[in-house]
Amino acid sequence: MITINPLEVDGMIFTAVSVELPKTTLLTISNDIGYIMCAALDVDIFNEIPKLKERQVVAGRAVGVRTIDELLNAPLEKITDASKAYGWEVGMTGKDALLKIS
């Protein structure tokens, strides 16, 4: 099942997406600038492959989360190089990162 909902974070609206997959759930929260996600996806690819690095994707990843609420409150374990321009840092919560791109 795929669930897509608007998500208010301190008065700012984001899009929360949950995709139920076999033995895991893919979670993302995004706006038109960037997104945070669970560890089911790879952030490193946007830093390591030159063609993808050129895109300046703003993204961060949290590990061990199972719900959108957990994703908001978990520390980001990895971030893209482009996200640093918005003040993102490894260890900040997903919520704090999202508010920096709102």
PDB file of N, CA and C in Angstrom:
ATOM      1  N   MET A   1       0.827  -1.164   0.000  1.00  0.00           N
ATOM      2  CA  MET A   1       0.000   0.000   0.000  1.00  0.00           C
ATOM      3  C   MET A   1       0.887   1.249   0.000  1.00  0.00           C
ATOM      4  N   ILE A   2       0.438   2.286  -0.677  1.00  0.00           N
ATOM      5  CA  ILE A   2       1.126   3.567  -0.707  1.00  0.00           C
ATOM      6  C   ILE A   2       0.216   4.605  -0.058  1.00  0.00           C
ATOM      7  N   THR A   3       0.761   5.353   0.903  1.00  0.00           N
ATOM      8  CA  THR A   3       0.018   6.397   1.585  1.00  0.00           C
ATOM      9  C   THR A   3       0.733   7.716   1.370  1.00  0.00           C
ATOM     10  N   ILE A   4      -0.013   8.714   0.901  1.00  0.00           N
ATOM     11  CA  ILE A   4       0.532  10.053   0.684  1.00  0.00           C
ATOM     12  C   ILE A   4      -0.348  11.037   1.437  1.00  0.00           C
ATOM     13  N   ASN A   5       0.276  11.818   2.335  1.00  0.00           N
ATOM     14  CA  ASN A   5      -0.477  12.770   3.142  1.00  0.00           C
ATOM     15  C   ASN A   5       0.289  14.077   3.282  1.00  0.00           C
ATOM     16  N   PRO A   6      -0.448  15.190   3.370  1.00  0.00           N
ATOM     17  CA  PRO A   6       0.228  16.427   3.762  1.00  0.00           C
ATOM     18  C   PRO A   6       0.647  16.300   5.223  1.00  0.00           C
ATOM     19  N   LEU A   7       1.747  16.929   5.579  1.00  0.00           N
ATOM     20  CA  LEU A   7       2.258  16.852   6.947  1.00  0.00           C
ATOM     21  C   LEU A   7       2.658  18.253   7.385  1.00  0.00           C
ATOM     22  N   GLU A   8       2.056  18.727   8.475  1.00  0.00           N
ATOM     23  CA  GLU A   8       2.398  20.039   9.003  1.00  0.00           C
ATOM     24  C   GLU A   8       3.495  19.892  10.047  1.00  0.00           C
ATOM     25  N   VAL A   9       4.548  20.662   9.867  1.00  0.00           N
ATOM     26  CA  VAL A   9       5.665  20.682  10.806  1.00  0.00           C
ATOM     27  C   VAL A   9       5.879  22.138  11.192  1.00  0.00           C
ATOM     28  N   ASP A  10       5.527  22.485  12.399  1.00  0.00           N
ATOM     29  CA  ASP A  10       5.639  23.869  12.886  1.00  0.00           C
ATOM     30  C   ASP A  10       5.064  24.872  11.892  1.00  0.00           C
ATOM     31  N   GLY A  11       3.883  24.565  11.376  1.00  0.00           N
ATOM     32  CA  GLY A  11       3.184  25.468  10.476  1.00  0.00           C
ATOM     33  C   GLY A  11       3.599  25.389   9.015  1.00  0.00           C
ATOM     34  N   MET A  12       4.595  24.585   8.694  1.00  0.00           N
ATOM     35  CA  MET A  12       5.052  24.422   7.316  1.00  0.00           C
ATOM     36  C   MET A  12       4.517  23.087   6.778  1.00  0.00           C
ATOM     37  N   ILE A  13       4.115  23.079   5.517  1.00  0.00           N
ATOM     38  CA  ILE A  13       3.513  21.879   4.937  1.00  0.00           C
ATOM     39  C   ILE A  13       4.540  21.105   4.105  1.00  0.00           C
ATOM     40  N   PHE A  14       4.609  19.809   4.369  1.00  0.00           N
ATOM     41  CA  PHE A  14       5.455  18.871   3.639  1.00  0.00           C
ATOM     42  C   PHE A  14       4.578  17.734   3.131  1.00  0.00           C
ATOM     43  N   THR A  15       5.133  16.857   2.326  1.00  0.00           N
ATOM     44  CA  THR A  15       4.424  15.671   1.851  1.00  0.00           C
ATOM     45  C   THR A  15       5.065  14.440   2.466  1.00  0.00           C
ATOM     46  N   ALA A  16       4.263  13.642   3.158  1.00  0.00           N
ATOM     47  CA  ALA A  16       4.736  12.396   3.770  1.00  0.00           C
ATOM     48  C   ALA A  16       4.272  11.231   2.895  1.00  0.00           C
ATOM     49  N   VAL A  17       5.210  10.364   2.553  1.00  0.00           N
ATOM     50  CA  VAL A  17       4.900   9.198   1.722  1.00  0.00           C
ATOM     51  C   VAL A  17       5.391   7.949   2.446  1.00  0.00           C
ATOM     52  N   SER A  18       4.519   6.960   2.515  1.00  0.00           N
ATOM     53  CA  SER A  18       4.848   5.668   3.116  1.00  0.00           C
ATOM     54  C   SER A  18       4.513   4.587   2.094  1.00  0.00           C
ATOM     55  N   VAL A  19       5.508   3.774   1.746  1.00  0.00           N
ATOM     56  CA  VAL A  19       5.313   2.688   0.778  1.00  0.00           C
ATOM     57  C   VAL A  19       5.615   1.380   1.487  1.00  0.00           C
ATOM     58  N   GLU A  20       4.592   0.568   1.657  1.00  0.00           N
ATOM     59  CA  GLU A  20       4.782  -0.730   2.297  1.00  0.00           C
ATOM     60  C   GLU A  20       5.349  -1.714   1.280  1.00  0.00           C
ATOM     61  N   LEU A  21       6.540  -2.217   1.575  1.00  0.00           N
ATOM     62  CA  LEU A  21       7.237  -3.178   0.740  1.00  0.00           C
ATOM     63  C   LEU A  21       7.404  -4.474   1.519  1.00  0.00           C
ATOM     64  N   PRO A  22       7.757  -5.575   0.857  1.00  0.00           N
ATOM     65  CA  PRO A  22       7.986  -6.810   1.599  1.00  0.00           C
ATOM     66  C   PRO A  22       9.074  -6.620   2.663  1.00  0.00           C
ATOM     67  N   LYS A  23       8.734  -6.864   3.888  1.00  0.00           N
ATOM     68  CA  LYS A  23       9.642  -6.843   5.035  1.00  0.00           C
ATOM     69  C   LYS A  23      10.213  -5.473   5.391  1.00  0.00           C
ATOM     70  N   THR A  24       9.717  -4.394   4.767  1.00  0.00           N
ATOM     71  CA  THR A  24      10.169  -3.049   5.121  1.00  0.00           C
ATOM     72  C   THR A  24       9.154  -2.027   4.643  1.00  0.00           C
ATOM     73  N   THR A  25       9.295  -0.821   5.090  1.00  0.00           N
ATOM     74  CA  THR A  25       8.459   0.290   4.641  1.00  0.00           C
ATOM     75  C   THR A  25       9.375   1.437   4.242  1.00  0.00           C
ATOM     76  N   LEU A  26       9.167   1.975   3.058  1.00  0.00           N
ATOM     77  CA  LEU A  26       9.908   3.127   2.565  1.00  0.00           C
ATOM     78  C   LEU A  26       9.191   4.380   3.040  1.00  0.00           C
ATOM     79  N   LEU A  27       9.915   5.272   3.730  1.00  0.00           N
ATOM     80  CA  LEU A  27       9.331   6.491   4.278  1.00  0.00           C
ATOM     81  C   LEU A  27      10.073   7.708   3.739  1.00  0.00           C
ATOM     82  N   THR A  28       9.327   8.725   3.297  1.00  0.00           N
ATOM     83  CA  THR A  28       9.935   9.987   2.889  1.00  0.00           C
ATOM     84  C   THR A  28       9.059  11.144   3.353  1.00  0.00           C
ATOM     85  N   ILE A  29       9.706  12.261   3.621  1.00  0.00           N
ATOM     86  CA  ILE A  29       9.018  13.523   3.887  1.00  0.00           C
ATOM     87  C   ILE A  29       9.727  14.555   3.031  1.00  0.00           C
ATOM     88  N   SER A  30       8.970  15.308   2.225  1.00  0.00           N
ATOM     89  CA  SER A  30       9.603  16.195   1.252  1.00  0.00           C
ATOM     90  C   SER A  30       8.849  17.507   1.073  1.00  0.00           C
ATOM     91  N   ASN A  31       9.545  18.449   0.444  1.00  0.00           N
ATOM     92  CA  ASN A  31       8.938  19.641  -0.130  1.00  0.00           C
ATOM     93  C   ASN A  31       9.635  19.870  -1.463  1.00  0.00           C
ATOM     94  N   ASP A  32       9.474  21.057  -2.046  1.00  0.00           N
ATOM     95  CA  ASP A  32      10.051  21.266  -3.375  1.00  0.00           C
ATOM     96  C   ASP A  32      11.556  21.500  -3.361  1.00  0.00           C
ATOM     97  N   ILE A  33      12.175  21.560  -2.173  1.00  0.00           N
ATOM     98  CA  ILE A  33      13.625  21.764  -2.089  1.00  0.00           C
ATOM     99  C   ILE A  33      14.376  20.465  -1.817  1.00  0.00           C
ATOM    100  N   GLY A  34      13.846  19.619  -0.922  1.00  0.00           N
ATOM    101  CA  GLY A  34      14.568  18.409  -0.551  1.00  0.00           C
ATOM    102  C   GLY A  34      13.704  17.442   0.223  1.00  0.00           C
ATOM    103  N   TYR A  35      14.361  16.436   0.804  1.00  0.00           N
ATOM    104  CA  TYR A  35      13.614  15.403   1.515  1.00  0.00           C
ATOM    105  C   TYR A  35      14.488  14.684   2.525  1.00  0.00           C
ATOM    106  N   ILE A  36      13.796  14.038   3.468  1.00  0.00           N
ATOM    107  CA  ILE A  36      14.446  13.081   4.360  1.00  0.00           C
ATOM    108  C   ILE A  36      13.795  11.733   4.099  1.00  0.00           C
ATOM    109  N   MET A  37      14.517  10.674   4.428  1.00  0.00           N
ATOM    110  CA  MET A  37      14.010   9.338   4.127  1.00  0.00           C
ATOM    111  C   MET A  37      14.574   8.333   5.119  1.00  0.00           C
ATOM    112  N   CYS A  38      14.017   7.144   5.065  1.00  0.00           N
ATOM    113  CA  CYS A  38      14.537   6.049   5.891  1.00  0.00           C
ATOM    114  C   CYS A  38      15.737   5.433   5.192  1.00  0.00           C
ATOM    115  N   ALA A  39      16.369   4.488   5.840  1.00  0.00           N
ATOM    116  CA  ALA A  39      17.592   3.880   5.310  1.00  0.00           C
ATOM    117  C   ALA A  39      17.348   2.913   4.158  1.00  0.00           C
ATOM    118  N   ALA A  40      16.110   2.778   3.711  1.00  0.00           N
ATOM    119  CA  ALA A  40      15.837   1.890   2.585  1.00  0.00           C
ATOM    120  C   ALA A  40      16.408   2.440   1.278  1.00  0.00           C
ATOM    121  N   LEU A  41      16.815   3.693   1.278  1.00  0.00           N
ATOM    122  CA  LEU A  41      17.414   4.311   0.098  1.00  0.00           C
ATOM    123  C   LEU A  41      18.834   4.766   0.405  1.00  0.00           C
ATOM    124  N   ASP A  42      19.636   4.969  -0.630  1.00  0.00           N
ATOM    125  CA  ASP A  42      21.051   5.300  -0.471  1.00  0.00           C
ATOM    126  C   ASP A  42      21.330   6.767  -0.761  1.00  0.00           C
ATOM    127  N   VAL A  43      21.815   7.494   0.221  1.00  0.00           N
ATOM    128  CA  VAL A  43      22.174   8.901   0.061  1.00  0.00           C
ATOM    129  C   VAL A  43      23.541   9.035  -0.602  1.00  0.00           C
ATOM    130  N   ASP A  44      24.455   8.140  -0.323  1.00  0.00           N
ATOM    131  CA  ASP A  44      25.826   8.243  -0.821  1.00  0.00           C
ATOM    132  C   ASP A  44      25.897   8.368  -2.336  1.00  0.00           C
ATOM    133  N   ILE A  45      24.965   7.751  -3.033  1.00  0.00           N
ATOM    134  CA  ILE A  45      24.999   7.776  -4.496  1.00  0.00           C
ATOM    135  C   ILE A  45      24.976   9.200  -5.034  1.00  0.00           C
ATOM    136  N   PHE A  46      24.295  10.123  -4.321  1.00  0.00           N
ATOM    137  CA  PHE A  46      24.219  11.510  -4.778  1.00  0.00           C
ATOM    138  C   PHE A  46      25.511  12.275  -4.522  1.00  0.00           C
ATOM    139  N   ASN A  47      26.374  11.749  -3.680  1.00  0.00           N
ATOM    140  CA  ASN A  47      27.664  12.378  -3.409  1.00  0.00           C
ATOM    141  C   ASN A  47      28.791  11.767  -4.236  1.00  0.00           C
ATOM    142  N   GLU A  48      28.627  10.531  -4.678  1.00  0.00           N
ATOM    143  CA  GLU A  48      29.726   9.779  -5.287  1.00  0.00           C
ATOM    144  C   GLU A  48      29.717   9.738  -6.811  1.00  0.00           C
ATOM    145  N   ILE A  49      28.563   9.782  -7.426  1.00  0.00           N
ATOM    146  CA  ILE A  49      28.487   9.684  -8.882  1.00  0.00           C
ATOM    147  C   ILE A  49      28.404  11.094  -9.472  1.00  0.00           C
ATOM    148  N   PRO A  50      29.408  11.493 -10.256  1.00  0.00           N
ATOM    149  CA  PRO A  50      29.469  12.871 -10.755  1.00  0.00           C
ATOM    150  C   PRO A  50      28.173  13.378 -11.400  1.00  0.00           C
ATOM    151  N   LYS A  51      27.531  12.581 -12.242  1.00  0.00           N
ATOM    152  CA  LYS A  51      26.298  13.026 -12.892  1.00  0.00           C
ATOM    153  C   LYS A  51      25.203  13.319 -11.870  1.00  0.00           C
ATOM    154  N   LEU A  52      25.142  12.516 -10.826  1.00  0.00           N
ATOM    155  CA  LEU A  52      24.133  12.734  -9.796  1.00  0.00           C
ATOM    156  C   LEU A  52      24.522  13.876  -8.865  1.00  0.00           C
ATOM    157  N   LYS A  53      25.800  14.019  -8.599  1.00  0.00           N
ATOM    158  CA  LYS A  53      26.267  15.110  -7.741  1.00  0.00           C
ATOM    159  C   LYS A  53      25.922  16.467  -8.362  1.00  0.00           C
ATOM    160  N   GLU A  54      25.980  16.559  -9.691  1.00  0.00           N
ATOM    161  CA  GLU A  54      25.640  17.795 -10.398  1.00  0.00           C
ATOM    162  C   GLU A  54      24.203  18.235 -10.123  1.00  0.00           C
ATOM    163  N   ARG A  55      23.334  17.309  -9.802  1.00  0.00           N
ATOM    164  CA  ARG A  55      21.925  17.631  -9.551  1.00  0.00           C
ATOM    165  C   ARG A  55      21.719  18.408  -8.257  1.00  0.00           C
ATOM    166  N   GLN A  56      22.710  18.372  -7.344  1.00  0.00           N
ATOM    167  CA  GLN A  56      22.619  19.072  -6.060  1.00  0.00           C
ATOM    168  C   GLN A  56      21.375  18.649  -5.279  1.00  0.00           C
ATOM    169  N   VAL A  57      21.144  17.349  -5.181  1.00  0.00           N
ATOM    170  CA  VAL A  57      20.002  16.808  -4.452  1.00  0.00           C
ATOM    171  C   VAL A  57      20.184  17.070  -2.961  1.00  0.00           C
ATOM    172  N   VAL A  58      19.159  17.645  -2.342  1.00  0.00           N
ATOM    173  CA  VAL A  58      19.158  17.908  -0.907  1.00  0.00           C
ATOM    174  C   VAL A  58      18.402  16.753  -0.251  1.00  0.00           C
ATOM    175  N   ALA A  59      19.131  15.894   0.471  1.00  0.00           N
ATOM    176  CA  ALA A  59      18.505  14.709   1.058  1.00  0.00           C
ATOM    177  C   ALA A  59      19.259  14.266   2.303  1.00  0.00           C
ATOM    178  N   GLY A  60      18.528  13.655   3.218  1.00  0.00           N
ATOM    179  CA  GLY A  60      19.117  13.085   4.419  1.00  0.00           C
ATOM    180  C   GLY A  60      18.453  11.762   4.739  1.00  0.00           C
ATOM    181  N   ARG A  61      19.162  10.923   5.483  1.00  0.00           N
ATOM    182  CA  ARG A  61      18.672   9.576   5.773  1.00  0.00           C
ATOM    183  C   ARG A  61      18.766   9.287   7.257  1.00  0.00           C
ATOM    184  N   ALA A  62      17.710   8.685   7.793  1.00  0.00           N
ATOM    185  CA  ALA A  62      17.691   8.227   9.181  1.00  0.00           C
ATOM    186  C   ALA A  62      17.607   6.701   9.181  1.00  0.00           C
ATOM    187  N   VAL A  63      18.182   6.088  10.186  1.00  0.00           N
ATOM    188  CA  VAL A  63      18.235   4.629  10.264  1.00  0.00           C
ATOM    189  C   VAL A  63      17.333   4.130  11.398  1.00  0.00           C
ATOM    190  N   GLY A  64      16.679   3.001  11.175  1.00  0.00           N
ATOM    191  CA  GLY A  64      15.910   2.344  12.225  1.00  0.00           C
ATOM    192  C   GLY A  64      14.540   2.929  12.481  1.00  0.00           C
ATOM    193  N   VAL A  65      14.012   3.689  11.527  1.00  0.00           N
ATOM    194  CA  VAL A  65      12.690   4.280  11.714  1.00  0.00           C
ATOM    195  C   VAL A  65      11.629   3.428  11.033  1.00  0.00           C
ATOM    196  N   ARG A  66      10.442   3.402  11.625  1.00  0.00           N
ATOM    197  CA  ARG A  66       9.364   2.584  11.072  1.00  0.00           C
ATOM    198  C   ARG A  66       8.107   3.387  10.783  1.00  0.00           C
ATOM    199  N   THR A  67       8.074   4.660  11.217  1.00  0.00           N
ATOM    200  CA  THR A  67       6.904   5.507  11.009  1.00  0.00           C
ATOM    201  C   THR A  67       7.361   6.909  10.606  1.00  0.00           C
ATOM    202  N   ILE A  68       6.441   7.673  10.068  1.00  0.00           N
ATOM    203  CA  ILE A  68       6.732   9.059   9.715  1.00  0.00           C
ATOM    204  C   ILE A  68       7.134   9.843  10.959  1.00  0.00           C
ATOM    205  N   ASP A  69       6.446   9.629  12.078  1.00  0.00           N
ATOM    206  CA  ASP A  69       6.775  10.332  13.320  1.00  0.00           C
ATOM    207  C   ASP A  69       8.197   9.998  13.767  1.00  0.00           C
ATOM    208  N   GLU A  70       8.587   8.750  13.681  1.00  0.00           N
ATOM    209  CA  GLU A  70       9.954   8.371  14.040  1.00  0.00           C
ATOM    210  C   GLU A  70      10.964   9.030  13.101  1.00  0.00           C
ATOM    211  N   LEU A  71      10.634   9.126  11.817  1.00  0.00           N
ATOM    212  CA  LEU A  71      11.523   9.771  10.854  1.00  0.00           C
ATOM    213  C   LEU A  71      11.723  11.247  11.207  1.00  0.00           C
ATOM    214  N   LEU A  72      10.676  11.919  11.627  1.00  0.00           N
ATOM    215  CA  LEU A  72      10.777  13.322  12.036  1.00  0.00           C
ATOM    216  C   LEU A  72      11.706  13.505  13.229  1.00  0.00           C
ATOM    217  N   ASN A  73      11.662  12.577  14.159  1.00  0.00           N
ATOM    218  CA  ASN A  73      12.375  12.731  15.424  1.00  0.00           C
ATOM    219  C   ASN A  73      13.733  12.053  15.483  1.00  0.00           C
ATOM    220  N   ALA A  74      14.060  11.257  14.485  1.00  0.00           N
ATOM    221  CA  ALA A  74      15.342  10.535  14.478  1.00  0.00           C
ATOM    222  C   ALA A  74      16.472  11.437  13.993  1.00  0.00           C
ATOM    223  N   PRO A  75      17.688  11.182  14.469  1.00  0.00           N
ATOM    224  CA  PRO A  75      18.831  11.924  13.943  1.00  0.00           C
ATOM    225  C   PRO A  75      19.168  11.440  12.530  1.00  0.00           C
ATOM    226  N   LEU A  76      19.582  12.366  11.682  1.00  0.00           N
ATOM    227  CA  LEU A  76      20.001  11.989  10.335  1.00  0.00           C
ATOM    228  C   LEU A  76      21.382  11.359  10.408  1.00  0.00           C
ATOM    229  N   GLU A  77      21.492  10.190   9.824  1.00  0.00           N
ATOM    230  CA  GLU A  77      22.730   9.420   9.858  1.00  0.00           C
ATOM    231  C   GLU A  77      23.634   9.779   8.691  1.00  0.00           C
ATOM    232  N   LYS A  78      23.040  10.194   7.577  1.00  0.00           N
ATOM    233  CA  LYS A  78      23.792  10.616   6.393  1.00  0.00           C
ATOM    234  C   LYS A  78      23.034  11.754   5.736  1.00  0.00           C
ATOM    235  N   ILE A  79      23.781  12.632   5.076  1.00  0.00           N
ATOM    236  CA  ILE A  79      23.186  13.724   4.318  1.00  0.00           C
ATOM    237  C   ILE A  79      23.968  13.898   3.020  1.00  0.00           C
ATOM    238  N   THR A  80      23.340  14.522   2.045  1.00  0.00           N
ATOM    239  CA  THR A  80      24.055  14.813   0.802  1.00  0.00           C
ATOM    240  C   THR A  80      24.910  16.056   0.992  1.00  0.00           C
ATOM    241  N   ASP A  81      25.923  16.189   0.154  1.00  0.00           N
ATOM    242  CA  ASP A  81      26.775  17.379   0.199  1.00  0.00           C
ATOM    243  C   ASP A  81      25.945  18.640  -0.036  1.00  0.00           C
ATOM    244  N   ALA A  82      24.971  18.568  -0.954  1.00  0.00           N
ATOM    245  CA  ALA A  82      24.150  19.742  -1.279  1.00  0.00           C
ATOM    246  C   ALA A  82      23.323  20.211  -0.093  1.00  0.00           C
ATOM    247  N   SER A  83      22.965  19.319   0.808  1.00  0.00           N
ATOM    248  CA  SER A  83      22.132  19.706   1.959  1.00  0.00           C
ATOM    249  C   SER A  83      22.897  20.598   2.938  1.00  0.00           C
ATOM    250  N   LYS A  84      24.212  20.537   2.890  1.00  0.00           N
ATOM    251  CA  LYS A  84      25.026  21.359   3.797  1.00  0.00           C
ATOM    252  C   LYS A  84      24.843  22.849   3.533  1.00  0.00           C
ATOM    253  N   ALA A  85      24.485  23.210   2.313  1.00  0.00           N
ATOM    254  CA  ALA A  85      24.240  24.609   1.969  1.00  0.00           C
ATOM    255  C   ALA A  85      23.018  25.159   2.715  1.00  0.00           C
ATOM    256  N   TYR A  86      22.164  24.267   3.198  1.00  0.00           N
ATOM    257  CA  TYR A  86      20.975  24.665   3.958  1.00  0.00           C
ATOM    258  C   TYR A  86      21.194  24.540   5.466  1.00  0.00           C
ATOM    259  N   GLY A  87      22.414  24.223   5.860  1.00  0.00           N
ATOM    260  CA  GLY A  87      22.717  24.114   7.286  1.00  0.00           C
ATOM    261  C   GLY A  87      22.462  22.745   7.878  1.00  0.00           C
ATOM    262  N   TRP A  88      22.230  21.749   7.028  1.00  0.00           N
ATOM    263  CA  TRP A  88      22.012  20.395   7.542  1.00  0.00           C
ATOM    264  C   TRP A  88      23.335  19.835   8.064  1.00  0.00           C
ATOM    265  N   GLU A  89      23.216  19.042   9.127  1.00  0.00           N
ATOM    266  CA  GLU A  89      24.369  18.348   9.696  1.00  0.00           C
ATOM    267  C   GLU A  89      23.967  16.938  10.086  1.00  0.00           C
ATOM    268  N   VAL A  90      24.907  16.015   9.982  1.00  0.00           N
ATOM    269  CA  VAL A  90      24.671  14.658  10.472  1.00  0.00           C
ATOM    270  C   VAL A  90      24.368  14.766  11.961  1.00  0.00           C
ATOM    271  N   GLY A  91      23.338  14.049  12.414  1.00  0.00           N
ATOM    272  CA  GLY A  91      22.965  14.049  13.823  1.00  0.00           C
ATOM    273  C   GLY A  91      21.788  14.946  14.149  1.00  0.00           C
ATOM    274  N   MET A  92      21.467  15.916  13.281  1.00  0.00           N
ATOM    275  CA  MET A  92      20.300  16.755  13.555  1.00  0.00           C
ATOM    276  C   MET A  92      19.042  15.943  13.285  1.00  0.00           C
ATOM    277  N   THR A  93      17.948  16.309  13.920  1.00  0.00           N
ATOM    278  CA  THR A  93      16.711  15.553  13.709  1.00  0.00           C
ATOM    279  C   THR A  93      16.141  15.844  12.328  1.00  0.00           C
ATOM    280  N   GLY A  94      15.348  14.920  11.842  1.00  0.00           N
ATOM    281  CA  GLY A  94      14.674  15.111  10.572  1.00  0.00           C
ATOM    282  C   GLY A  94      13.828  16.379  10.591  1.00  0.00           C
ATOM    283  N   LYS A  95      13.136  16.626  11.677  1.00  0.00           N
ATOM    284  CA  LYS A  95      12.302  17.822  11.809  1.00  0.00           C
ATOM    285  C   LYS A  95      13.141  19.079  11.662  1.00  0.00           C
ATOM    286  N   ASP A  96      14.262  19.162  12.359  1.00  0.00           N
ATOM    287  CA  ASP A  96      15.114  20.343  12.275  1.00  0.00           C
ATOM    288  C   ASP A  96      15.636  20.543  10.853  1.00  0.00           C
ATOM    289  N   ALA A  97      15.987  19.467  10.180  1.00  0.00           N
ATOM    290  CA  ALA A  97      16.469  19.564   8.796  1.00  0.00           C
ATOM    291  C   ALA A  97      15.363  20.094   7.896  1.00  0.00           C
ATOM    292  N   LEU A  98      14.154  19.564   8.042  1.00  0.00           N
ATOM    293  CA  LEU A  98      13.046  20.014   7.196  1.00  0.00           C
ATOM    294  C   LEU A  98      12.752  21.490   7.408  1.00  0.00           C
ATOM    295  N   LEU A  99      12.803  21.936   8.636  1.00  0.00           N
ATOM    296  CA  LEU A  99      12.508  23.352   8.910  1.00  0.00           C
ATOM    297  C   LEU A  99      13.548  24.269   8.272  1.00  0.00           C
ATOM    298  N   LYS A 100      14.747  23.779   8.041  1.00  0.00           N
ATOM    299  CA  LYS A 100      15.772  24.593   7.387  1.00  0.00           C
ATOM    300  C   LYS A 100      15.513  24.757   5.877  1.00  0.00           C
ATOM    301  N   ILE A 101      14.658  23.902   5.306  1.00  0.00           N
ATOM    302  CA  ILE A 101      14.339  24.035   3.881  1.00  0.00           C
ATOM    303  C   ILE A 101      12.909  24.498   3.667  1.00  0.00           C
ATOM    304  N   SER A 102      12.263  24.961   4.724  1.00  0.00           N
ATOM    305  CA  SER A 102      10.868  25.409   4.586  1.00  0.00           C
ATOM    306  C   SER A 102      10.797  26.877   4.213  1.00  0.00           C
TER     307      SER A 102
END
